[in-house]
Amino acid sequence: MANPILQICGVNVPYNPDECLDEGARIYHVGFVRCDVATFDPSVLANWQTVVNNGTGIFIPDVRGSYSASPTQDAGYGASPSRLTGITHTVTWVDYKYKENCQFYNRLRHLSRLYRFYFFTQTLVHTVANGVSAMAIPVISDNISENAKYQATVTWSNINLPCHAPSPFGTICEYPLNYGGGG
């Protein structure tokens, strides 16, 4: 049986009802690539290694995060009480790599609008094509059994959802990037 197809404004949009396509919900890794990198396929491992090596991108492994979105609405027309005018998207993650990353997060706050943002779930990489707004705050509790960490938040507005592709890192624990500056 063929997948159901919905025709919207003359475009066929298929829906895949396969129940075996589950995806783990947690965000495992995040990444940023400068908007002036003309062609970048986030599903290719060599592309990530290239942007890390040449300083036009960063990959932050082993975070714990989530995605949420809230609609922006305006007054509706006709019988509709409102209409969707946009969506505000938010990704929040906790980075336990606290030491030595203060300057990174300070610069990211100022320059994040110049970067595309990527977040990784269990087997997928999700792409945010337009610039984003990012900030991080230190989380330091009075519990001596906890470690200091950063809680980072990225927000953007777009009426479309972030689309995804297969992650180049295979399973959630594979990210064979070389941070030594060589290939």
N, C-alpha and C. Protein backbone atom coordinates (compact mmCIF):
# COMPACT_ATOMS: atom_id res chain seq x y z
N MET A 1 0.84 -1.18 0.00
CA MET A 1 0.00 0.00 0.00
C MET A 1 0.88 1.24 0.00
N ALA A 2 0.55 2.18 -0.82
CA ALA A 2 1.32 3.42 -0.93
C ALA A 2 1.05 4.31 0.28
N ASN A 3 2.04 5.17 0.57
CA ASN A 3 1.85 6.13 1.65
C ASN A 3 0.76 7.12 1.29
N PRO A 4 -0.01 7.56 2.29
CA PRO A 4 -1.03 8.58 2.00
C PRO A 4 -0.37 9.88 1.54
N ILE A 5 -1.02 10.55 0.63
CA ILE A 5 -0.50 11.80 0.09
C ILE A 5 -1.55 12.89 0.27
N LEU A 6 -1.13 14.01 0.78
CA LEU A 6 -1.98 15.17 0.93
C LEU A 6 -1.53 16.19 -0.11
N GLN A 7 -2.46 16.72 -0.87
CA GLN A 7 -2.09 17.72 -1.86
C GLN A 7 -2.37 19.10 -1.26
N ILE A 8 -1.30 19.91 -1.16
CA ILE A 8 -1.40 21.25 -0.60
C ILE A 8 -0.92 22.24 -1.64
N CYS A 9 -1.81 23.08 -2.09
CA CYS A 9 -1.49 24.10 -3.09
C CYS A 9 -0.82 23.49 -4.32
N GLY A 10 -1.30 22.35 -4.76
CA GLY A 10 -0.78 21.72 -5.96
C GLY A 10 0.49 20.91 -5.76
N VAL A 11 0.95 20.77 -4.52
CA VAL A 11 2.17 20.01 -4.23
C VAL A 11 1.78 18.76 -3.45
N ASN A 12 2.23 17.61 -3.93
CA ASN A 12 1.97 16.36 -3.22
C ASN A 12 2.91 16.25 -2.03
N VAL A 13 2.34 16.06 -0.84
CA VAL A 13 3.11 15.94 0.39
C VAL A 13 2.80 14.58 1.00
N PRO A 14 3.75 13.62 0.89
CA PRO A 14 3.47 12.28 1.42
C PRO A 14 3.63 12.24 2.94
N TYR A 15 2.91 11.32 3.55
CA TYR A 15 3.02 11.05 4.99
C TYR A 15 3.43 9.59 5.15
N ASN A 16 4.43 9.32 5.99
CA ASN A 16 4.90 7.95 6.20
C ASN A 16 4.33 7.42 7.50
N PRO A 17 3.41 6.45 7.44
CA PRO A 17 2.79 5.92 8.65
C PRO A 17 3.57 4.78 9.31
N ASP A 18 4.82 4.54 8.92
CA ASP A 18 5.62 3.43 9.45
C ASP A 18 5.83 3.60 10.96
N GLU A 19 5.34 2.65 11.73
CA GLU A 19 5.47 2.72 13.19
C GLU A 19 6.85 2.34 13.69
N CYS A 20 7.72 1.90 12.80
CA CYS A 20 9.07 1.48 13.19
C CYS A 20 10.08 2.63 13.07
N LEU A 21 9.62 3.83 12.89
CA LEU A 21 10.52 4.96 12.68
C LEU A 21 10.68 5.81 13.94
N ASP A 22 10.70 5.17 15.11
CA ASP A 22 10.86 5.91 16.35
C ASP A 22 12.23 6.57 16.41
N GLU A 23 12.31 7.67 17.13
CA GLU A 23 13.57 8.40 17.30
C GLU A 23 13.68 8.82 18.76
N GLY A 24 14.83 8.57 19.37
CA GLY A 24 15.04 9.00 20.75
C GLY A 24 14.89 10.50 20.87
N ALA A 25 14.32 10.95 21.97
CA ALA A 25 13.93 12.35 22.10
C ALA A 25 15.04 13.27 22.59
N ARG A 26 15.99 12.82 23.32
CA ARG A 26 17.00 13.70 23.90
C ARG A 26 17.91 14.28 22.83
N ILE A 27 18.36 15.52 23.06
CA ILE A 27 19.41 16.10 22.23
C ILE A 27 20.74 15.69 22.84
N TYR A 28 21.59 15.04 22.00
CA TYR A 28 22.86 14.47 22.45
C TYR A 28 24.05 15.36 22.14
N HIS A 29 24.00 16.07 21.01
CA HIS A 29 25.10 16.92 20.58
C HIS A 29 24.49 18.15 19.91
N VAL A 30 25.28 19.24 19.83
CA VAL A 30 24.87 20.43 19.08
C VAL A 30 26.06 20.90 18.25
N GLY A 31 25.78 21.71 17.24
CA GLY A 31 26.86 22.24 16.42
C GLY A 31 26.45 23.55 15.78
N PHE A 32 27.45 24.32 15.42
CA PHE A 32 27.25 25.61 14.75
C PHE A 32 28.16 25.66 13.54
N VAL A 33 27.66 26.18 12.43
CA VAL A 33 28.47 26.37 11.22
C VAL A 33 28.16 27.77 10.71
N ARG A 34 29.22 28.52 10.40
CA ARG A 34 29.03 29.90 9.92
C ARG A 34 28.12 29.93 8.70
N CYS A 35 27.26 30.95 8.64
CA CYS A 35 26.32 31.09 7.52
C CYS A 35 27.02 31.31 6.19
N ASP A 36 28.27 31.79 6.20
CA ASP A 36 28.96 32.03 4.94
C ASP A 36 29.63 30.77 4.37
N VAL A 37 29.49 29.63 5.03
CA VAL A 37 29.91 28.36 4.45
C VAL A 37 28.82 27.99 3.46
N ALA A 38 29.13 28.14 2.17
CA ALA A 38 28.11 28.08 1.12
C ALA A 38 27.36 26.76 1.07
N THR A 39 28.04 25.67 0.97
CA THR A 39 27.37 24.38 0.90
C THR A 39 27.85 23.52 2.04
N PHE A 40 26.90 23.06 2.83
CA PHE A 40 27.23 22.23 3.99
C PHE A 40 26.14 21.20 4.17
N ASP A 41 26.51 19.94 4.02
CA ASP A 41 25.58 18.84 4.26
C ASP A 41 25.90 18.28 5.64
N PRO A 42 25.02 18.50 6.63
CA PRO A 42 25.32 18.08 8.00
C PRO A 42 25.31 16.57 8.20
N SER A 43 24.88 15.82 7.18
CA SER A 43 24.86 14.36 7.32
C SER A 43 26.16 13.71 6.86
N VAL A 44 27.17 14.52 6.49
CA VAL A 44 28.45 14.00 6.01
C VAL A 44 29.53 14.30 7.05
N LEU A 45 30.13 13.25 7.59
CA LEU A 45 31.14 13.40 8.64
C LEU A 45 32.31 14.27 8.19
N ALA A 46 32.78 14.10 6.96
CA ALA A 46 33.93 14.87 6.47
C ALA A 46 33.63 16.37 6.48
N ASN A 47 32.39 16.76 6.27
CA ASN A 47 32.04 18.18 6.31
C ASN A 47 32.21 18.75 7.71
N TRP A 48 31.83 17.98 8.72
CA TRP A 48 32.02 18.44 10.10
C TRP A 48 33.51 18.55 10.42
N GLN A 49 34.30 17.57 9.98
CA GLN A 49 35.73 17.63 10.25
C GLN A 49 36.35 18.86 9.59
N THR A 50 35.90 19.18 8.38
CA THR A 50 36.44 20.34 7.66
C THR A 50 36.14 21.64 8.40
N VAL A 51 34.89 21.85 8.82
CA VAL A 51 34.55 23.12 9.48
C VAL A 51 35.19 23.23 10.86
N VAL A 52 35.37 22.10 11.54
CA VAL A 52 36.08 22.13 12.82
C VAL A 52 37.55 22.49 12.59
N ASN A 53 38.16 21.87 11.58
CA ASN A 53 39.58 22.13 11.29
C ASN A 53 39.84 23.57 10.85
N ASN A 54 38.95 24.14 10.02
CA ASN A 54 39.23 25.48 9.51
C ASN A 54 38.58 26.60 10.33
N GLY A 55 37.95 26.26 11.45
CA GLY A 55 37.43 27.27 12.35
C GLY A 55 36.11 27.90 11.92
N THR A 56 35.42 27.32 10.96
CA THR A 56 34.13 27.88 10.53
C THR A 56 32.96 27.14 11.17
N GLY A 57 33.26 26.21 12.07
CA GLY A 57 32.20 25.50 12.76
C GLY A 57 32.71 24.89 14.05
N ILE A 58 31.77 24.52 14.90
CA ILE A 58 32.09 23.88 16.17
C ILE A 58 31.08 22.77 16.40
N PHE A 59 31.55 21.67 16.94
CA PHE A 59 30.71 20.54 17.31
C PHE A 59 30.85 20.35 18.81
N ILE A 60 29.74 20.35 19.54
CA ILE A 60 29.77 20.21 20.99
C ILE A 60 29.14 18.86 21.33
N PRO A 61 29.97 17.87 21.67
CA PRO A 61 29.44 16.54 21.95
C PRO A 61 28.95 16.39 23.39
N ASP A 62 28.19 15.36 23.60
CA ASP A 62 27.81 14.92 24.94
C ASP A 62 27.13 16.00 25.78
N VAL A 63 26.05 16.53 25.25
CA VAL A 63 25.23 17.44 26.02
C VAL A 63 23.92 16.72 26.36
N ARG A 64 23.10 17.34 27.16
CA ARG A 64 21.78 16.82 27.47
C ARG A 64 20.80 17.94 27.20
N GLY A 65 19.92 17.75 26.21
CA GLY A 65 19.07 18.87 25.84
C GLY A 65 17.69 18.49 25.36
N SER A 66 16.92 19.55 25.08
CA SER A 66 15.54 19.38 24.61
C SER A 66 15.17 20.51 23.65
N TYR A 67 14.13 20.25 22.88
CA TYR A 67 13.59 21.20 21.90
C TYR A 67 12.15 21.49 22.27
N SER A 68 11.74 22.75 22.13
CA SER A 68 10.33 23.10 22.30
C SER A 68 9.99 24.23 21.33
N ALA A 69 8.71 24.43 21.11
CA ALA A 69 8.27 25.48 20.19
C ALA A 69 6.94 26.04 20.69
N SER A 70 6.73 27.32 20.42
CA SER A 70 5.45 27.93 20.77
C SER A 70 4.98 28.78 19.60
N PRO A 71 3.69 28.69 19.30
CA PRO A 71 3.16 29.42 18.14
C PRO A 71 3.02 30.91 18.42
N THR A 72 3.16 31.69 17.37
CA THR A 72 2.85 33.11 17.39
C THR A 72 1.58 33.27 16.57
N GLN A 73 0.57 33.88 17.16
CA GLN A 73 -0.71 33.98 16.48
C GLN A 73 -1.15 35.42 16.38
N ASP A 74 -2.00 35.65 15.40
CA ASP A 74 -2.59 36.97 15.15
C ASP A 74 -4.09 36.76 15.01
N ALA A 75 -4.82 37.84 14.94
CA ALA A 75 -6.26 37.75 14.76
C ALA A 75 -6.58 37.04 13.44
N GLY A 76 -7.58 36.19 13.50
CA GLY A 76 -7.98 35.44 12.32
C GLY A 76 -8.92 36.22 11.43
N TYR A 77 -9.33 35.59 10.34
CA TYR A 77 -10.24 36.19 9.38
C TYR A 77 -11.38 35.21 9.14
N GLY A 78 -12.52 35.74 8.74
CA GLY A 78 -13.67 34.89 8.50
C GLY A 78 -14.09 34.21 9.79
N ALA A 79 -14.34 32.90 9.74
CA ALA A 79 -14.80 32.14 10.89
C ALA A 79 -13.65 31.72 11.81
N SER A 80 -12.41 31.94 11.40
CA SER A 80 -11.26 31.53 12.20
C SER A 80 -10.92 32.60 13.24
N PRO A 81 -10.85 32.23 14.53
CA PRO A 81 -10.56 33.22 15.56
C PRO A 81 -9.11 33.69 15.55
N SER A 82 -8.19 32.88 14.99
CA SER A 82 -6.78 33.28 14.94
C SER A 82 -6.11 32.59 13.77
N ARG A 83 -4.90 33.06 13.48
CA ARG A 83 -4.11 32.41 12.43
C ARG A 83 -2.66 32.36 12.90
N LEU A 84 -1.99 31.30 12.48
CA LEU A 84 -0.59 31.11 12.84
C LEU A 84 0.27 32.04 12.00
N THR A 85 1.09 32.85 12.66
CA THR A 85 1.95 33.78 11.94
C THR A 85 3.43 33.44 12.08
N GLY A 86 3.74 32.53 12.98
CA GLY A 86 5.13 32.13 13.17
C GLY A 86 5.26 31.14 14.30
N ILE A 87 6.48 30.67 14.49
CA ILE A 87 6.78 29.75 15.59
C ILE A 87 8.10 30.20 16.21
N THR A 88 8.12 30.31 17.52
CA THR A 88 9.36 30.56 18.25
C THR A 88 9.89 29.23 18.74
N HIS A 89 11.09 28.89 18.30
CA HIS A 89 11.70 27.60 18.62
C HIS A 89 12.78 27.81 19.69
N THR A 90 12.94 26.82 20.56
CA THR A 90 13.95 26.89 21.61
C THR A 90 14.62 25.54 21.78
N VAL A 91 15.93 25.54 21.77
CA VAL A 91 16.71 24.37 22.16
C VAL A 91 17.50 24.77 23.40
N THR A 92 17.40 23.94 24.42
CA THR A 92 18.14 24.17 25.66
C THR A 92 18.98 22.93 25.93
N TRP A 93 20.24 23.15 26.29
CA TRP A 93 21.08 22.01 26.64
C TRP A 93 21.95 22.34 27.83
N VAL A 94 22.39 21.28 28.51
CA VAL A 94 23.32 21.39 29.62
C VAL A 94 24.65 20.83 29.16
N ASP A 95 25.70 21.61 29.37
CA ASP A 95 27.07 21.22 28.99
C ASP A 95 27.88 21.10 30.28
N TYR A 96 28.28 19.89 30.60
CA TYR A 96 29.03 19.66 31.84
C TYR A 96 30.50 20.07 31.72
N LYS A 97 30.94 20.43 30.51
CA LYS A 97 32.34 20.81 30.29
C LYS A 97 32.50 22.30 30.67
N TYR A 98 32.55 22.55 31.97
CA TYR A 98 32.47 23.90 32.50
C TYR A 98 33.79 24.67 32.44
N LYS A 99 34.87 24.06 32.85
CA LYS A 99 36.16 24.76 32.89
C LYS A 99 36.60 25.12 31.49
N GLU A 100 37.18 26.28 31.34
CA GLU A 100 37.77 26.74 30.08
C GLU A 100 36.78 27.11 28.99
N ASN A 101 35.47 27.13 29.25
CA ASN A 101 34.51 27.43 28.19
C ASN A 101 33.74 28.73 28.39
N CYS A 102 34.11 29.53 29.36
CA CYS A 102 33.43 30.80 29.59
C CYS A 102 33.55 31.73 28.39
N GLN A 103 34.76 31.89 27.86
CA GLN A 103 34.95 32.79 26.72
C GLN A 103 34.21 32.29 25.48
N PHE A 104 34.18 30.97 25.28
CA PHE A 104 33.43 30.43 24.16
C PHE A 104 31.96 30.84 24.25
N TYR A 105 31.34 30.62 25.38
CA TYR A 105 29.92 30.94 25.51
C TYR A 105 29.66 32.45 25.48
N ASN A 106 30.59 33.25 25.98
CA ASN A 106 30.44 34.71 25.85
C ASN A 106 30.48 35.14 24.39
N ARG A 107 31.41 34.61 23.62
CA ARG A 107 31.50 34.98 22.19
C ARG A 107 30.30 34.44 21.41
N LEU A 108 29.85 33.24 21.74
CA LEU A 108 28.69 32.68 21.06
C LEU A 108 27.47 33.58 21.23
N ARG A 109 27.30 34.14 22.40
CA ARG A 109 26.17 35.03 22.65
C ARG A 109 26.20 36.23 21.69
N HIS A 110 27.38 36.74 21.41
CA HIS A 110 27.50 37.91 20.54
C HIS A 110 27.46 37.57 19.05
N LEU A 111 27.89 36.37 18.68
CA LEU A 111 28.06 36.05 17.27
C LEU A 111 27.11 34.97 16.73
N SER A 112 26.23 34.45 17.56
CA SER A 112 25.41 33.31 17.15
C SER A 112 24.53 33.61 15.94
N ARG A 113 24.15 34.85 15.74
CA ARG A 113 23.29 35.19 14.59
C ARG A 113 23.99 34.94 13.25
N LEU A 114 25.32 34.78 13.28
CA LEU A 114 26.10 34.54 12.07
C LEU A 114 26.25 33.05 11.76
N TYR A 115 25.59 32.19 12.53
CA TYR A 115 25.77 30.75 12.41
C TYR A 115 24.45 30.03 12.17
N ARG A 116 24.54 28.94 11.41
CA ARG A 116 23.45 27.97 11.34
C ARG A 116 23.63 27.05 12.53
N PHE A 117 22.54 26.55 13.04
CA PHE A 117 22.56 25.71 14.24
C PHE A 117 22.08 24.31 13.89
N TYR A 118 22.71 23.32 14.50
CA TYR A 118 22.36 21.91 14.28
C TYR A 118 22.23 21.24 15.64
N PHE A 119 21.20 20.42 15.78
CA PHE A 119 21.11 19.62 17.00
C PHE A 119 20.84 18.17 16.63
N PHE A 120 21.43 17.28 17.43
CA PHE A 120 21.47 15.86 17.12
C PHE A 120 20.63 15.08 18.13
N THR A 121 19.68 14.31 17.62
CA THR A 121 18.96 13.36 18.46
C THR A 121 19.61 12.00 18.26
N GLN A 122 18.91 10.95 18.59
CA GLN A 122 19.50 9.61 18.59
C GLN A 122 20.20 9.24 17.29
N THR A 123 19.55 9.43 16.15
CA THR A 123 20.14 9.06 14.86
C THR A 123 19.99 10.14 13.80
N LEU A 124 19.50 11.32 14.18
CA LEU A 124 19.22 12.38 13.21
C LEU A 124 19.93 13.67 13.58
N VAL A 125 20.22 14.49 12.55
CA VAL A 125 20.71 15.85 12.76
C VAL A 125 19.64 16.79 12.23
N HIS A 126 19.26 17.76 13.03
CA HIS A 126 18.21 18.73 12.70
C HIS A 126 18.87 20.05 12.35
N THR A 127 18.40 20.68 11.28
CA THR A 127 19.03 21.88 10.75
C THR A 127 18.18 23.12 10.98
N VAL A 128 18.83 24.18 11.47
CA VAL A 128 18.22 25.50 11.58
C VAL A 128 19.01 26.39 10.63
N ALA A 129 18.42 26.67 9.48
CA ALA A 129 19.16 27.32 8.40
C ALA A 129 19.46 28.79 8.63
N ASN A 130 18.58 29.48 9.34
CA ASN A 130 18.81 30.91 9.55
C ASN A 130 19.58 31.14 10.84
N GLY A 131 20.09 32.34 11.01
CA GLY A 131 20.83 32.68 12.22
C GLY A 131 19.97 32.54 13.47
N VAL A 132 20.62 32.32 14.59
CA VAL A 132 19.93 32.09 15.84
C VAL A 132 20.44 33.05 16.91
N SER A 133 19.78 33.05 18.03
CA SER A 133 20.22 33.80 19.19
C SER A 133 20.59 32.79 20.27
N ALA A 134 21.80 32.90 20.80
CA ALA A 134 22.27 31.93 21.80
C ALA A 134 22.77 32.63 23.04
N MET A 135 22.62 31.96 24.15
CA MET A 135 23.19 32.45 25.41
C MET A 135 23.39 31.26 26.34
N ALA A 136 24.28 31.40 27.28
CA ALA A 136 24.51 30.35 28.27
C ALA A 136 24.69 31.01 29.63
N ILE A 137 24.25 30.30 30.64
CA ILE A 137 24.45 30.76 32.02
C ILE A 137 25.12 29.65 32.81
N PRO A 138 25.99 30.00 33.74
CA PRO A 138 26.57 28.97 34.59
C PRO A 138 25.51 28.49 35.59
N VAL A 139 25.51 27.20 35.83
CA VAL A 139 24.64 26.61 36.84
C VAL A 139 25.55 26.12 37.96
N ILE A 140 25.48 26.82 39.08
CA ILE A 140 26.33 26.50 40.23
C ILE A 140 25.43 26.41 41.45
N SER A 141 25.25 25.21 41.93
CA SER A 141 24.35 25.02 43.07
C SER A 141 25.15 24.99 44.37
N ASP A 142 24.44 24.88 45.49
CA ASP A 142 25.12 24.77 46.77
C ASP A 142 25.28 23.31 47.21
N ASN A 143 25.06 22.39 46.28
CA ASN A 143 25.18 20.97 46.55
C ASN A 143 26.61 20.53 46.23
N ILE A 144 27.38 20.13 47.24
CA ILE A 144 28.79 19.80 47.01
C ILE A 144 28.98 18.52 46.22
N SER A 145 27.93 17.75 46.00
CA SER A 145 28.07 16.54 45.20
C SER A 145 27.77 16.79 43.71
N GLU A 146 27.43 18.02 43.35
CA GLU A 146 27.18 18.37 41.94
C GLU A 146 28.37 19.13 41.39
N ASN A 147 28.49 19.11 40.07
CA ASN A 147 29.52 19.88 39.39
C ASN A 147 28.90 21.10 38.72
N ALA A 148 29.70 22.14 38.57
CA ALA A 148 29.26 23.32 37.83
C ALA A 148 29.08 22.94 36.36
N LYS A 149 28.17 23.61 35.68
CA LYS A 149 27.90 23.34 34.27
C LYS A 149 27.31 24.58 33.64
N TYR A 150 27.19 24.55 32.32
CA TYR A 150 26.51 25.62 31.60
C TYR A 150 25.15 25.12 31.14
N GLN A 151 24.17 26.01 31.22
CA GLN A 151 22.88 25.76 30.59
C GLN A 151 22.76 26.75 29.44
N ALA A 152 22.75 26.23 28.23
CA ALA A 152 22.73 27.07 27.04
C ALA A 152 21.35 27.01 26.39
N THR A 153 20.96 28.12 25.79
CA THR A 153 19.68 28.22 25.12
C THR A 153 19.87 28.88 23.76
N VAL A 154 19.30 28.27 22.74
CA VAL A 154 19.28 28.83 21.39
C VAL A 154 17.83 29.04 21.01
N THR A 155 17.52 30.24 20.50
CA THR A 155 16.16 30.52 20.05
C THR A 155 16.20 31.07 18.63
N TRP A 156 15.12 30.84 17.90
CA TRP A 156 14.95 31.39 16.57
C TRP A 156 13.47 31.41 16.24
N SER A 157 13.12 32.23 15.26
CA SER A 157 11.73 32.31 14.80
C SER A 157 11.66 31.88 13.35
N ASN A 158 10.74 30.99 13.07
CA ASN A 158 10.50 30.53 11.71
C ASN A 158 9.18 29.79 11.72
N ILE A 159 8.37 29.99 10.71
CA ILE A 159 7.08 29.33 10.67
C ILE A 159 7.21 27.84 10.38
N ASN A 160 8.38 27.42 9.86
CA ASN A 160 8.61 26.01 9.55
C ASN A 160 9.36 25.31 10.67
N LEU A 161 9.14 24.02 10.77
CA LEU A 161 9.87 23.20 11.74
C LEU A 161 11.27 22.90 11.21
N PRO A 162 12.23 22.65 12.10
CA PRO A 162 13.56 22.27 11.63
C PRO A 162 13.51 20.86 11.05
N CYS A 163 13.97 20.70 9.82
CA CYS A 163 13.97 19.39 9.18
C CYS A 163 15.25 18.64 9.54
N HIS A 164 15.27 17.36 9.26
CA HIS A 164 16.38 16.53 9.70
C HIS A 164 16.88 15.61 8.59
N ALA A 165 18.06 15.09 8.84
CA ALA A 165 18.73 14.14 7.95
C ALA A 165 19.41 13.11 8.84
N PRO A 166 19.87 12.00 8.29
CA PRO A 166 20.59 11.03 9.11
C PRO A 166 21.86 11.66 9.71
N SER A 167 22.12 11.36 10.95
CA SER A 167 23.32 11.88 11.61
C SER A 167 24.56 11.20 11.03
N PRO A 168 25.63 11.95 10.82
CA PRO A 168 26.86 11.33 10.30
C PRO A 168 27.60 10.53 11.37
N PHE A 169 27.13 10.63 12.60
CA PHE A 169 27.84 10.01 13.70
C PHE A 169 27.31 8.63 14.04
N GLY A 170 26.41 8.09 13.21
CA GLY A 170 25.91 6.74 13.45
C GLY A 170 25.13 6.67 14.74
N THR A 171 25.61 5.90 15.67
CA THR A 171 24.93 5.82 16.96
C THR A 171 25.27 7.06 17.77
N ILE A 172 24.59 7.22 18.87
CA ILE A 172 24.72 8.44 19.66
C ILE A 172 26.10 8.62 20.28
N CYS A 173 26.88 7.56 20.39
CA CYS A 173 28.19 7.67 21.04
C CYS A 173 29.34 7.77 20.06
N GLU A 174 29.07 7.79 18.78
CA GLU A 174 30.14 7.86 17.79
C GLU A 174 30.27 9.28 17.25
N TYR A 175 31.36 9.93 17.54
CA TYR A 175 31.65 11.24 16.95
C TYR A 175 33.16 11.34 16.79
N PRO A 176 33.69 10.68 15.75
CA PRO A 176 35.14 10.57 15.59
C PRO A 176 35.79 11.82 14.99
N LEU A 177 35.50 12.98 15.57
CA LEU A 177 36.13 14.20 15.08
C LEU A 177 37.48 14.37 15.74
N ASN A 178 38.42 14.89 14.99
CA ASN A 178 39.75 15.17 15.49
C ASN A 178 39.81 16.66 15.83
N TYR A 179 39.98 16.99 17.11
CA TYR A 179 40.07 18.38 17.53
C TYR A 179 41.50 18.88 17.57
N GLY A 180 42.44 18.07 17.07
CA GLY A 180 43.84 18.47 17.11
C GLY A 180 44.27 19.38 15.99
N GLY A 181 43.34 19.77 15.12
CA GLY A 181 43.68 20.68 14.04
C GLY A 181 44.09 19.97 12.76
N GLY A 182 44.33 18.69 12.82
CA GLY A 182 44.69 17.93 11.61
C GLY A 182 43.53 17.11 11.13
N GLY A 183 43.61 16.53 9.94
CA GLY A 183 42.53 15.76 9.37
C GLY A 183 42.36 14.44 9.90
